[in-house]
């Protein structure tokens, strides 16, 4: 799996109206990497230290939890 490019994320973050960092990260992964499946987004986030922190903050422990989060935001 690819690593998250946090410099590109910061640039992407400048142009979004959302304030939730996890929601922005999910949108960024969808847009920048063309990854839409919750399981793939979860895998990418869970393999990154900052991504892990974002998931832990929301108590997201598996792809299904992330999928529920994605459809709520």
C-alpha atoms as a PDB file:
ATOM      1  CA  UNK A   1       0.000   0.000   0.000  1.00  0.00           C
ATOM      2  CA  UNK A   2       1.181   3.517  -0.690  1.00  0.00           C
ATOM      3  CA  UNK A   3       2.248   5.929   2.019  1.00  0.00           C
ATOM      4  CA  UNK A   4       0.246   9.050   2.700  1.00  0.00           C
ATOM      5  CA  UNK A   5       1.823  12.215   1.347  1.00  0.00           C
ATOM      6  CA  UNK A   6       1.194  14.581   4.258  1.00  0.00           C
ATOM      7  CA  UNK A   7       2.558  17.580   2.343  1.00  0.00           C
ATOM      8  CA  UNK A   8      -0.108  17.079  -0.320  1.00  0.00           C
ATOM      9  CA  UNK A   9      -2.677  16.557   2.458  1.00  0.00           C
ATOM     10  CA  UNK A  10      -1.786  19.964   3.907  1.00  0.00           C
ATOM     11  CA  UNK A  11      -2.285  21.561   0.496  1.00  0.00           C
ATOM     12  CA  UNK A  12      -5.602  19.714   0.039  1.00  0.00           C
ATOM     13  CA  UNK A  13      -6.705  20.831   3.509  1.00  0.00           C
ATOM     14  CA  UNK A  14      -6.417  24.498   2.499  1.00  0.00           C
ATOM     15  CA  UNK A  15      -9.262  24.109   0.007  1.00  0.00           C
ATOM     16  CA  UNK A  16     -11.823  22.194   2.046  1.00  0.00           C
ATOM     17  CA  UNK A  17     -14.656  23.500   4.171  1.00  0.00           C
ATOM     18  CA  UNK A  18     -14.481  20.538   6.576  1.00  0.00           C
ATOM     19  CA  UNK A  19     -12.786  20.871   9.935  1.00  0.00           C
ATOM     20  CA  UNK A  20     -12.607  17.218  11.002  1.00  0.00           C
ATOM     21  CA  UNK A  21      -9.097  15.964  10.247  1.00  0.00           C
ATOM     22  CA  UNK A  22     -10.181  12.366   9.690  1.00  0.00           C
ATOM     23  CA  UNK A  23     -12.931  13.422   7.275  1.00  0.00           C
ATOM     24  CA  UNK A  24     -10.395  15.541   5.407  1.00  0.00           C
ATOM     25  CA  UNK A  25      -7.937  12.624   5.319  1.00  0.00           C
ATOM     26  CA  UNK A  26     -10.621  10.310   3.909  1.00  0.00           C
ATOM     27  CA  UNK A  27     -11.561  12.876   1.251  1.00  0.00           C
ATOM     28  CA  UNK A  28      -7.884  13.382   0.448  1.00  0.00           C
ATOM     29  CA  UNK A  29      -7.293   9.644  -0.021  1.00  0.00           C
ATOM     30  CA  UNK A  30     -10.344   9.396  -2.250  1.00  0.00           C
ATOM     31  CA  UNK A  31      -9.277  12.372  -4.345  1.00  0.00           C
ATOM     32  CA  UNK A  32      -5.490  12.073  -4.476  1.00  0.00           C
ATOM     33  CA  UNK A  33      -5.105   8.296  -4.601  1.00  0.00           C
ATOM     34  CA  UNK A  34      -8.459   7.384  -6.212  1.00  0.00           C
ATOM     35  CA  UNK A  35      -9.149   4.905  -3.413  1.00  0.00           C
ATOM     36  CA  UNK A  36     -12.813   4.663  -2.513  1.00  0.00           C
ATOM     37  CA  UNK A  37     -13.285   1.317  -0.748  1.00  0.00           C
ATOM     38  CA  UNK A  38     -13.512   1.761   3.019  1.00  0.00           C
ATOM     39  CA  UNK A  39     -11.290  -1.278   3.561  1.00  0.00           C
ATOM     40  CA  UNK A  40      -8.523   0.218   1.398  1.00  0.00           C
ATOM     41  CA  UNK A  41      -8.835   3.654   3.011  1.00  0.00           C
ATOM     42  CA  UNK A  42      -8.710   2.027   6.448  1.00  0.00           C
ATOM     43  CA  UNK A  43      -5.646  -0.021   5.491  1.00  0.00           C
ATOM     44  CA  UNK A  44      -3.840   3.060   4.237  1.00  0.00           C
ATOM     45  CA  UNK A  45      -4.626   5.047   7.389  1.00  0.00           C
ATOM     46  CA  UNK A  46      -3.839   2.186   9.767  1.00  0.00           C
ATOM     47  CA  UNK A  47      -0.373   1.724   8.237  1.00  0.00           C
ATOM     48  CA  UNK A  48       0.553   5.357   8.904  1.00  0.00           C
ATOM     49  CA  UNK A  49       1.427   6.711  12.366  1.00  0.00           C
ATOM     50  CA  UNK A  50      -0.626   9.897  12.010  1.00  0.00           C
ATOM     51  CA  UNK A  51      -3.406   7.942  10.331  1.00  0.00           C
ATOM     52  CA  UNK A  52      -3.473   5.548  13.293  1.00  0.00           C
ATOM     53  CA  UNK A  53      -3.876   8.477  15.668  1.00  0.00           C
ATOM     54  CA  UNK A  54      -6.780   9.841  13.621  1.00  0.00           C
ATOM     55  CA  UNK A  55      -8.486   6.437  13.716  1.00  0.00           C
ATOM     56  CA  UNK A  56      -7.840   5.933  17.438  1.00  0.00           C
ATOM     57  CA  UNK A  57      -9.252   9.363  18.249  1.00  0.00           C
ATOM     58  CA  UNK A  58     -12.585   8.194  16.767  1.00  0.00           C
ATOM     59  CA  UNK A  59     -12.253   4.671  18.236  1.00  0.00           C
ATOM     60  CA  UNK A  60     -12.261   3.213  14.719  1.00  0.00           C
ATOM     61  CA  UNK A  61     -10.844  -0.291  14.979  1.00  0.00           C
ATOM     62  CA  UNK A  62     -11.843  -1.848  11.669  1.00  0.00           C
ATOM     63  CA  UNK A  63     -12.859  -0.969   8.130  1.00  0.00           C
ATOM     64  CA  UNK A  64     -16.567  -1.298   8.916  1.00  0.00           C
ATOM     65  CA  UNK A  65     -16.291   1.409  11.587  1.00  0.00           C
ATOM     66  CA  UNK A  66     -14.576   3.667   9.066  1.00  0.00           C
ATOM     67  CA  UNK A  67     -17.267   2.937   6.497  1.00  0.00           C
ATOM     68  CA  UNK A  68     -19.925   4.044   9.000  1.00  0.00           C
ATOM     69  CA  UNK A  69     -17.931   7.209   9.682  1.00  0.00           C
ATOM     70  CA  UNK A  70     -17.558   7.897   5.947  1.00  0.00           C
ATOM     71  CA  UNK A  71     -21.281   7.763   5.339  1.00  0.00           C
ATOM     72  CA  UNK A  72     -22.092   9.961   8.333  1.00  0.00           C
ATOM     73  CA  UNK A  73     -19.760  12.803   7.314  1.00  0.00           C
END
